[in-house]
N, C-alpha and C. Protein backbone atom coordinates (compact mmCIF):
# COMPACT_ATOMS: atom_id res chain seq x y z
N MET A 1 25.46 28.37 46.65
CA MET A 1 26.04 27.58 45.43
C MET A 1 25.21 28.91 44.68
N SER A 2 26.03 29.68 43.86
CA SER A 2 25.26 31.18 43.33
C SER A 2 24.32 30.00 41.84
N LYS A 3 23.32 31.12 41.65
CA LYS A 3 22.56 30.65 40.62
C LYS A 3 23.03 30.33 39.21
N LYS A 4 24.37 30.61 38.45
CA LYS A 4 24.99 30.69 37.50
C LYS A 4 25.56 29.04 37.77
N ASP A 5 26.46 28.47 39.16
CA ASP A 5 26.51 27.05 39.67
C ASP A 5 25.33 26.66 39.36
N GLU A 6 24.11 26.61 40.00
CA GLU A 6 22.66 26.01 40.06
C GLU A 6 22.48 25.39 38.52
N VAL A 7 22.76 26.48 37.71
CA VAL A 7 22.28 25.89 36.26
C VAL A 7 23.43 25.21 35.95
N GLY A 8 24.52 25.26 36.13
CA GLY A 8 25.82 24.87 35.20
C GLY A 8 25.14 23.13 36.00
N LYS A 9 25.49 23.25 37.04
CA LYS A 9 24.78 21.90 37.84
C LYS A 9 23.53 20.98 36.95
N LEU A 10 22.80 21.81 36.81
CA LEU A 10 21.42 21.12 36.39
C LEU A 10 22.01 20.96 35.04
N LYS A 11 22.22 21.68 34.43
CA LYS A 11 22.46 21.33 32.86
C LYS A 11 23.51 20.09 32.86
N ALA A 12 24.72 19.82 33.66
CA ALA A 12 25.82 18.18 34.06
C ALA A 12 24.50 17.02 34.07
N ASP A 13 23.54 17.48 35.34
CA ASP A 13 22.98 16.24 35.38
C ASP A 13 21.96 15.68 34.62
N LEU A 14 21.47 16.84 33.87
CA LEU A 14 20.57 16.73 32.29
C LEU A 14 21.33 15.79 31.32
N SER A 15 22.10 16.32 31.54
CA SER A 15 23.26 15.69 30.56
C SER A 15 23.58 14.35 30.71
N ALA A 16 23.99 13.75 32.24
CA ALA A 16 24.21 12.59 32.78
C ALA A 16 22.88 12.05 32.48
N GLU A 17 21.71 12.28 32.73
CA GLU A 17 20.70 11.45 32.40
C GLU A 17 20.09 11.48 31.45
N ALA A 18 20.39 11.91 29.96
CA ALA A 18 20.17 12.18 28.71
C ALA A 18 21.29 10.50 27.98
N GLN A 19 22.37 10.56 28.49
CA GLN A 19 23.30 9.71 28.57
C GLN A 19 22.75 8.35 28.72
N LYS A 20 22.19 8.73 29.96
CA LYS A 20 21.99 7.26 30.61
C LYS A 20 20.51 6.87 29.48
N ALA A 21 19.56 7.34 29.55
CA ALA A 21 18.56 7.08 29.10
C ALA A 21 19.22 6.57 27.18
N LYS A 22 19.99 7.21 26.40
CA LYS A 22 20.24 6.91 25.39
C LYS A 22 21.10 5.63 25.14
N ALA A 23 21.56 5.07 26.34
CA ALA A 23 22.05 4.02 26.54
C ALA A 23 20.85 2.84 26.57
N GLU A 24 20.28 2.93 27.51
CA GLU A 24 19.11 2.42 27.88
C GLU A 24 18.31 1.87 27.15
N ILE A 25 18.45 3.23 25.86
CA ILE A 25 17.51 2.35 24.78
C ILE A 25 17.93 1.78 23.72
N GLU A 26 19.43 2.00 22.91
CA GLU A 26 19.84 1.36 22.60
C GLU A 26 20.30 -0.21 23.15
N ARG A 27 20.15 -0.46 24.68
CA ARG A 27 19.89 -1.72 24.78
C ARG A 27 18.45 -2.61 24.68
N LEU A 28 17.74 -1.33 25.06
CA LEU A 28 16.16 -2.35 24.94
C LEU A 28 16.04 -2.53 23.26
N LYS A 29 16.80 -2.07 22.72
CA LYS A 29 16.89 -2.36 21.03
C LYS A 29 17.76 -3.31 20.48
N ARG A 30 18.52 -3.66 20.95
CA ARG A 30 19.36 -4.48 21.13
C ARG A 30 18.87 -6.42 21.28
N GLU A 31 18.00 -5.62 22.40
CA GLU A 31 16.79 -6.96 23.24
C GLU A 31 15.97 -7.53 22.27
N LEU A 32 15.58 -6.43 22.24
CA LEU A 32 13.92 -6.87 20.95
C LEU A 32 14.94 -7.10 19.69
N LYS A 33 15.63 -6.86 19.17
CA LYS A 33 16.42 -7.61 18.22
C LYS A 33 16.21 -9.29 18.30
N LYS A 34 16.67 -9.69 19.33
CA LYS A 34 17.38 -11.09 19.82
C LYS A 34 15.73 -11.76 19.96
N ARG A 35 14.86 -10.87 20.07
CA ARG A 35 13.31 -11.58 20.48
C ARG A 35 12.57 -12.02 19.02
N LYS A 36 12.06 -13.34 18.67
CA LYS A 36 11.13 -13.84 17.70
C LYS A 36 10.10 -12.35 17.20
N LYS A 37 10.04 -12.25 15.97
CA LYS A 37 9.61 -11.60 15.91
C LYS A 37 8.40 -11.95 15.01
N TYR A 38 6.68 -11.05 15.11
CA TYR A 38 5.31 -11.55 14.31
C TYR A 38 4.72 -9.92 13.44
N GLY A 39 4.31 -10.11 12.86
CA GLY A 39 3.64 -9.75 12.10
C GLY A 39 3.41 -10.12 10.52
N LEU A 40 2.83 -9.49 9.90
CA LEU A 40 2.74 -9.41 8.41
C LEU A 40 3.44 -8.75 7.77
N VAL A 41 3.44 -9.92 7.38
CA VAL A 41 5.18 -9.83 6.37
C VAL A 41 4.41 -10.75 4.96
N TRP A 42 5.43 -10.00 3.67
CA TRP A 42 5.29 -10.87 2.63
C TRP A 42 6.58 -10.91 1.56
N GLU A 43 6.65 -11.88 0.69
CA GLU A 43 7.58 -11.57 0.13
C GLU A 43 7.30 -10.52 -1.34
N GLU A 44 8.17 -9.68 -2.08
CA GLU A 44 7.76 -8.67 -2.90
C GLU A 44 8.81 -9.52 -4.40
N LYS A 45 8.14 -9.97 -4.96
CA LYS A 45 8.23 -10.76 -6.45
C LYS A 45 8.22 -9.11 -7.66
N PRO A 46 8.95 -9.41 -8.46
CA PRO A 46 8.62 -8.05 -9.35
C PRO A 46 7.90 -8.92 -10.44
N GLU A 47 6.92 -8.07 -10.62
CA GLU A 47 5.45 -8.35 -12.45
C GLU A 47 6.14 -8.14 -13.06
N GLU A 48 5.56 -8.60 -14.58
CA GLU A 48 5.77 -8.12 -15.80
C GLU A 48 5.32 -6.57 -15.30
N VAL A 49 3.62 -6.66 -15.13
CA VAL A 49 2.94 -5.59 -15.62
C VAL A 49 3.49 -4.29 -15.10
N VAL A 50 4.56 -4.36 -13.61
CA VAL A 50 4.85 -3.02 -13.21
C VAL A 50 6.41 -3.24 -13.52
N GLU A 51 6.71 -3.43 -14.07
CA GLU A 51 8.35 -3.14 -15.12
C GLU A 51 7.93 -2.71 -16.42
N MET A 52 6.45 -3.47 -16.88
CA MET A 52 6.34 -2.78 -18.04
C MET A 52 5.73 -1.09 -17.80
N CYS A 53 4.75 -1.22 -16.67
CA CYS A 53 4.53 0.90 -16.61
C CYS A 53 5.40 1.21 -16.05
N LYS A 54 6.98 1.43 -16.34
CA LYS A 54 7.92 1.90 -15.64
C LYS A 54 8.69 2.20 -17.14
N GLU A 55 8.47 1.97 -17.88
CA GLU A 55 8.91 1.69 -19.66
C GLU A 55 7.42 2.96 -20.72
N LYS A 56 6.40 1.61 -20.18
CA LYS A 56 5.43 2.72 -21.08
C LYS A 56 4.26 2.65 -20.22
N LEU A 57 3.17 4.27 -20.83
CA LEU A 57 2.22 4.65 -20.48
C LEU A 57 1.01 4.30 -20.79
N PRO A 58 0.21 3.44 -20.06
CA PRO A 58 -0.80 2.83 -20.10
C PRO A 58 -1.73 4.33 -20.23
N VAL A 59 -2.76 3.81 -21.57
CA VAL A 59 -3.63 5.21 -21.88
C VAL A 59 -5.21 4.83 -21.70
N LEU A 60 -5.54 5.64 -21.58
CA LEU A 60 -7.13 5.37 -21.48
C LEU A 60 -8.08 5.00 -22.72
N LYS A 61 -8.80 4.18 -23.10
CA LYS A 61 -9.43 4.70 -24.57
C LYS A 61 -10.84 4.90 -24.28
N GLU A 62 -11.86 5.59 -24.54
CA GLU A 62 -12.83 5.93 -24.57
C GLU A 62 -13.84 5.60 -25.20
N VAL A 63 -14.64 4.59 -24.94
CA VAL A 63 -15.61 3.70 -26.07
C VAL A 63 -16.76 4.53 -26.02
N LYS A 64 -17.23 5.48 -26.70
CA LYS A 64 -18.26 6.65 -27.08
C LYS A 64 -19.68 5.62 -26.71
N ASN A 65 -19.84 4.83 -27.71
CA ASN A 65 -21.09 3.93 -27.57
C ASN A 65 -21.63 3.13 -26.39
N LYS A 66 -20.32 2.86 -25.09
CA LYS A 66 -21.33 2.18 -24.21
C LYS A 66 -21.41 3.68 -23.10
N GLU A 67 -21.07 5.24 -23.21
CA GLU A 67 -21.39 6.00 -22.78
C GLU A 67 -22.64 6.64 -22.03
N ILE A 68 -22.66 6.33 -21.04
CA ILE A 68 -23.99 6.74 -20.25
C ILE A 68 -24.49 8.20 -19.63
N ILE A 69 -24.74 9.12 -20.55
CA ILE A 69 -25.21 10.39 -19.60
C ILE A 69 -26.42 11.06 -19.83
N THR A 70 -26.95 11.39 -18.46
CA THR A 70 -27.98 11.64 -18.49
C THR A 70 -27.97 13.27 -18.20
N ASP A 71 -27.09 13.92 -17.67
CA ASP A 71 -27.32 15.28 -17.35
C ASP A 71 -25.85 15.40 -17.59
N LYS A 72 -25.51 16.46 -18.35
CA LYS A 72 -24.27 16.71 -18.62
C LYS A 72 -23.57 17.92 -17.07
N ASP A 73 -24.38 18.62 -16.66
CA ASP A 73 -23.66 19.12 -15.60
C ASP A 73 -23.78 18.51 -14.33
N LYS A 74 -23.97 17.06 -14.28
CA LYS A 74 -23.68 16.28 -12.87
C LYS A 74 -22.32 15.64 -13.55
N PRO A 75 -21.59 15.36 -12.27
CA PRO A 75 -20.18 14.76 -11.98
C PRO A 75 -20.62 13.43 -13.10
N VAL A 76 -18.97 13.19 -13.77
CA VAL A 76 -19.20 12.15 -14.85
C VAL A 76 -18.25 10.92 -13.86
N ASN A 77 -19.06 10.18 -13.43
CA ASN A 77 -18.15 8.31 -13.60
C ASN A 77 -17.37 7.93 -14.22
N LEU A 78 -16.88 6.87 -13.96
CA LEU A 78 -15.92 5.72 -15.23
C LEU A 78 -15.99 4.92 -14.39
N LEU A 79 -16.45 3.73 -15.59
CA LEU A 79 -15.61 2.43 -15.56
C LEU A 79 -14.73 1.80 -16.33
N ILE A 80 -13.79 2.19 -15.56
CA ILE A 80 -12.76 1.33 -16.35
C ILE A 80 -12.65 0.02 -16.41
N GLU A 81 -12.18 -0.58 -17.90
CA GLU A 81 -12.41 -2.31 -18.03
C GLU A 81 -10.76 -2.07 -18.21
N GLY A 82 -10.01 -3.29 -17.45
CA GLY A 82 -8.78 -3.36 -18.00
C GLY A 82 -7.94 -3.79 -16.92
N ASP A 83 -7.03 -4.51 -17.14
CA ASP A 83 -5.85 -4.59 -15.97
C ASP A 83 -6.00 -3.55 -14.62
N ASN A 84 -5.85 -3.88 -13.64
CA ASN A 84 -5.76 -3.21 -12.71
C ASN A 84 -4.88 -2.45 -12.13
N TYR A 85 -3.18 -2.93 -12.34
CA TYR A 85 -1.88 -1.87 -12.39
C TYR A 85 -1.99 -1.11 -13.55
N HIS A 86 -2.70 -1.51 -14.64
CA HIS A 86 -2.68 -0.26 -15.69
C HIS A 86 -2.65 0.91 -15.84
N ALA A 87 -4.66 0.32 -14.54
CA ALA A 87 -6.17 1.69 -14.94
C ALA A 87 -5.40 2.29 -13.53
N LEU A 88 -5.30 1.58 -12.04
CA LEU A 88 -4.49 2.65 -11.29
C LEU A 88 -3.09 3.24 -11.77
N SER A 89 -2.07 2.70 -12.52
CA SER A 89 -1.25 3.60 -12.94
C SER A 89 -1.67 5.13 -13.51
N VAL A 90 -2.38 4.93 -14.84
CA VAL A 90 -2.80 6.34 -15.30
C VAL A 90 -3.58 6.80 -14.41
N LEU A 91 -4.42 6.19 -13.75
CA LEU A 91 -5.58 6.94 -13.09
C LEU A 91 -4.99 7.68 -11.79
N ASN A 92 -3.75 7.67 -11.84
CA ASN A 92 -2.51 7.97 -10.85
C ASN A 92 -1.77 9.53 -11.70
N TYR A 93 -2.17 9.76 -13.13
CA TYR A 93 -1.20 10.76 -13.47
C TYR A 93 -2.57 12.16 -13.84
N THR A 94 -4.10 11.11 -13.48
CA THR A 94 -5.03 12.43 -13.84
C THR A 94 -5.86 12.35 -12.65
N HIS A 95 -5.57 11.59 -11.36
CA HIS A 95 -6.95 11.68 -10.47
C HIS A 95 -6.42 11.57 -8.98
N ALA A 96 -4.97 12.00 -9.15
CA ALA A 96 -4.09 11.57 -7.76
C ALA A 96 -4.82 11.93 -6.44
N LYS A 97 -5.13 11.97 -5.43
CA LYS A 97 -5.71 12.86 -4.69
C LYS A 97 -7.38 13.22 -5.00
N LYS A 98 -7.57 12.77 -5.51
CA LYS A 98 -8.97 13.60 -5.79
C LYS A 98 -9.86 12.44 -5.69
N VAL A 99 -9.90 11.06 -5.41
CA VAL A 99 -11.09 10.09 -5.49
C VAL A 99 -11.48 10.24 -3.73
N ASP A 100 -12.85 10.23 -4.17
CA ASP A 100 -13.74 9.90 -2.71
C ASP A 100 -13.68 8.44 -2.05
N VAL A 101 -13.99 7.58 -3.71
CA VAL A 101 -14.48 6.17 -2.46
C VAL A 101 -13.74 5.47 -3.85
N ILE A 102 -13.03 3.78 -2.98
CA ILE A 102 -12.92 3.25 -4.40
C ILE A 102 -13.52 1.92 -3.69
N TYR A 103 -13.72 1.17 -4.74
CA TYR A 103 -14.68 -0.35 -4.22
C TYR A 103 -14.16 -1.54 -4.73
N ILE A 104 -12.90 -1.89 -4.32
CA ILE A 104 -12.71 -2.84 -5.12
C ILE A 104 -12.74 -4.76 -4.65
N ASP A 105 -12.88 -5.33 -5.75
CA ASP A 105 -13.37 -6.72 -5.34
C ASP A 105 -12.40 -7.95 -6.06
N PRO A 106 -10.92 -7.73 -5.03
CA PRO A 106 -10.09 -8.31 -6.32
C PRO A 106 -10.15 -10.14 -6.25
N PRO A 107 -9.03 -10.48 -7.01
CA PRO A 107 -9.21 -12.48 -7.46
C PRO A 107 -8.69 -12.62 -5.94
N TYR A 108 -9.16 -13.67 -5.71
CA TYR A 108 -9.24 -14.66 -4.38
C TYR A 108 -9.45 -15.68 -4.54
N ASN A 109 -8.52 -17.05 -4.57
CA ASN A 109 -8.71 -18.04 -4.65
C ASN A 109 -9.75 -18.56 -5.85
N ARG A 110 -9.84 -17.71 -7.20
CA ARG A 110 -10.64 -17.93 -8.04
C ARG A 110 -10.26 -19.39 -8.95
N GLY A 111 -9.39 -20.17 -8.76
CA GLY A 111 -8.36 -21.32 -9.23
C GLY A 111 -9.31 -21.30 -11.37
N THR A 112 -9.06 -20.11 -11.49
CA THR A 112 -8.99 -19.99 -13.07
C THR A 112 -7.46 -19.07 -13.54
N GLY A 113 -7.39 -19.56 -14.47
CA GLY A 113 -6.10 -19.04 -14.99
C GLY A 113 -6.20 -17.72 -16.21
N ASP A 114 -7.15 -17.37 -16.28
CA ASP A 114 -7.92 -15.75 -16.49
C ASP A 114 -7.26 -14.26 -16.39
N PHE A 115 -6.05 -14.40 -15.55
CA PHE A 115 -5.32 -13.42 -15.15
C PHE A 115 -3.70 -13.41 -14.71
N LYS A 116 -2.86 -12.53 -14.49
CA LYS A 116 -1.85 -12.96 -14.18
C LYS A 116 -1.56 -13.57 -12.46
N TYR A 117 -2.37 -12.95 -11.26
CA TYR A 117 -2.13 -13.83 -10.09
C TYR A 117 -3.00 -15.24 -10.46
N ASN A 118 -2.81 -16.08 -11.19
CA ASN A 118 -3.69 -17.32 -11.12
C ASN A 118 -2.83 -18.28 -9.70
N ASP A 119 -4.25 -18.73 -8.81
CA ASP A 119 -4.06 -19.92 -8.03
C ASP A 119 -3.73 -20.67 -8.72
N LYS A 120 -3.76 -21.69 -9.66
CA LYS A 120 -3.98 -22.73 -9.91
C LYS A 120 -2.02 -23.09 -9.83
N PHE A 121 -1.41 -22.13 -9.83
CA PHE A 121 0.61 -22.01 -10.10
C PHE A 121 0.35 -21.85 -9.09
N VAL A 122 -0.41 -21.72 -7.60
CA VAL A 122 0.14 -21.65 -6.31
C VAL A 122 -0.97 -23.10 -5.15
N ASP A 123 0.15 -23.48 -5.12
CA ASP A 123 -0.52 -25.39 -4.92
C ASP A 123 -1.15 -24.30 -3.21
N ARG A 124 -2.04 -25.31 -3.03
CA ARG A 124 -2.77 -24.88 -1.41
C ARG A 124 -2.27 -24.96 -0.63
N GLU A 125 -1.06 -25.65 -0.48
CA GLU A 125 -0.44 -26.15 0.64
C GLU A 125 0.34 -25.45 0.94
N ASP A 126 1.05 -24.45 -0.45
CA ASP A 126 2.19 -24.14 -0.03
C ASP A 126 1.91 -22.63 0.91
N GLY A 127 3.01 -22.74 2.04
CA GLY A 127 2.81 -21.99 2.80
C GLY A 127 2.80 -20.69 2.53
N TYR A 128 3.65 -20.60 1.64
CA TYR A 128 3.77 -19.08 1.17
C TYR A 128 2.30 -18.57 -0.07
N ARG A 129 1.80 -19.18 -0.47
CA ARG A 129 0.60 -19.31 -0.70
C ARG A 129 0.13 -16.94 -0.47
N HIS A 130 -0.36 -17.23 0.23
CA HIS A 130 -0.66 -15.55 1.17
C HIS A 130 0.04 -14.90 0.92
N SER A 131 1.53 -15.19 1.36
CA SER A 131 2.28 -14.03 0.95
C SER A 131 2.44 -13.50 -0.69
N LYS A 132 2.13 -14.45 -1.39
CA LYS A 132 2.67 -14.73 -3.30
C LYS A 132 1.49 -13.53 -3.19
N TRP A 133 -0.40 -13.58 -3.11
CA TRP A 133 -1.15 -12.62 -2.70
C TRP A 133 -1.69 -11.75 -2.25
N LEU A 134 -0.98 -11.66 -1.16
CA LEU A 134 -0.17 -10.49 -0.59
C LEU A 134 0.64 -9.34 -1.69
N GLY A 135 1.84 -10.27 -2.01
CA GLY A 135 2.78 -9.34 -2.67
C GLY A 135 2.11 -8.81 -3.76
N PHE A 136 1.15 -9.54 -4.70
CA PHE A 136 0.25 -8.89 -5.60
C PHE A 136 -0.67 -8.22 -5.58
N MET A 137 -1.18 -7.60 -3.80
CA MET A 137 -2.34 -6.70 -4.10
C MET A 137 -1.30 -5.73 -3.31
N GLY A 138 -0.82 -5.83 -2.79
CA GLY A 138 -0.08 -4.34 -2.13
C GLY A 138 0.80 -3.54 -3.12
N LYS A 139 0.46 -4.17 -4.56
CA LYS A 139 1.37 -2.57 -5.37
C LYS A 139 0.35 -1.89 -5.64
N ARG A 140 -1.25 -2.81 -6.03
CA ARG A 140 -2.06 -1.63 -6.18
C ARG A 140 -2.59 -1.09 -5.29
N LEU A 141 -2.92 -1.89 -4.06
CA LEU A 141 -3.10 -0.95 -2.52
C LEU A 141 -1.94 0.31 -2.47
N SER A 142 -1.20 0.09 -2.81
CA SER A 142 -0.49 1.45 -2.69
C SER A 142 -1.09 2.01 -3.78
N LEU A 143 -0.93 1.94 -5.10
CA LEU A 143 -1.68 2.82 -5.75
C LEU A 143 -3.03 3.57 -5.63
N ALA A 144 -3.84 2.62 -5.63
CA ALA A 144 -5.22 3.02 -4.81
C ALA A 144 -4.91 4.04 -4.45
N LYS A 145 -4.43 3.99 -2.59
CA LYS A 145 -3.92 4.74 -2.09
C LYS A 145 -3.81 6.20 -2.37
N SER A 146 -2.76 6.55 -3.00
CA SER A 146 -2.15 7.69 -3.93
C SER A 146 -3.19 8.08 -4.19
N LEU A 147 -4.82 7.38 -4.72
CA LEU A 147 -5.83 8.13 -5.38
C LEU A 147 -7.13 9.17 -4.26
N LEU A 148 -6.61 8.60 -3.04
CA LEU A 148 -7.92 8.99 -2.42
C LEU A 148 -7.45 10.50 -2.14
N LYS A 149 -7.90 11.20 -1.85
CA LYS A 149 -8.38 12.34 -0.55
C LYS A 149 -7.97 11.67 0.42
N ASN A 150 -7.77 13.26 1.24
CA ASN A 150 -7.45 13.24 2.79
C ASN A 150 -8.95 12.27 3.51
N THR A 151 -9.57 12.34 3.22
CA THR A 151 -10.68 12.09 3.66
C THR A 151 -11.76 10.87 2.72
N GLY A 152 -11.05 10.25 1.59
CA GLY A 152 -11.63 9.28 1.22
C GLY A 152 -11.15 7.41 1.25
N VAL A 153 -11.87 6.68 1.10
CA VAL A 153 -12.15 5.30 1.84
C VAL A 153 -11.72 4.71 0.63
N ILE A 154 -11.44 3.41 1.04
CA ILE A 154 -11.54 2.42 0.04
C ILE A 154 -12.50 0.85 0.93
N PHE A 155 -13.39 0.55 0.17
CA PHE A 155 -13.72 -1.05 0.53
C PHE A 155 -13.22 -2.09 -0.43
N ILE A 156 -13.02 -2.66 0.57
CA ILE A 156 -12.00 -4.04 -0.17
C ILE A 156 -13.17 -5.11 0.31
N SER A 157 -13.68 -6.16 -0.90
CA SER A 157 -14.53 -7.28 -0.68
C SER A 157 -13.09 -8.09 -0.97
N VAL A 158 -13.10 -9.57 0.17
CA VAL A 158 -12.23 -10.97 -0.33
C VAL A 158 -13.50 -12.14 0.39
N ASP A 159 -13.52 -13.05 -0.50
CA ASP A 159 -13.86 -13.85 -0.01
C ASP A 159 -13.61 -14.89 -0.35
N GLU A 160 -13.76 -16.55 -0.05
CA GLU A 160 -13.51 -17.93 -1.13
C GLU A 160 -13.59 -17.82 -2.19
N ASN A 161 -14.75 -16.95 -2.58
CA ASN A 161 -15.47 -17.98 -4.01
C ASN A 161 -14.54 -17.09 -5.36
């Protein structure tokens, strides 16, 4: 058998093996789709604040009488008080991929009615109560992640209090 014939046979064999592998992958995909699925899944509900931020850009307002600066040559740190979605949205215009550390203590099972995600509206026996909270948090964590540098970290405190 000539070299040319050997190369042709190898190509044909490889092509046949590739077709078999492709067919096996498709068979496995079909099989996996039949099985019960496990994972972290939550419902996506539209939020008024998210829709509002699509139409209007939030603006940060500096409060000079609360300023604490001891050395003008040192880095500036900000304390932002307000709706977390609004703050994260506006910071993505000014600080995207520039933040080293984010620490958040999100609301969880507070039982109070002083913010948009209100645990009082979600029955403790509701099988989807965690899903609703994850939907609320998912949007905010996505915005927070886009603020982080490649080496940045985010710390989250969640407890029952």
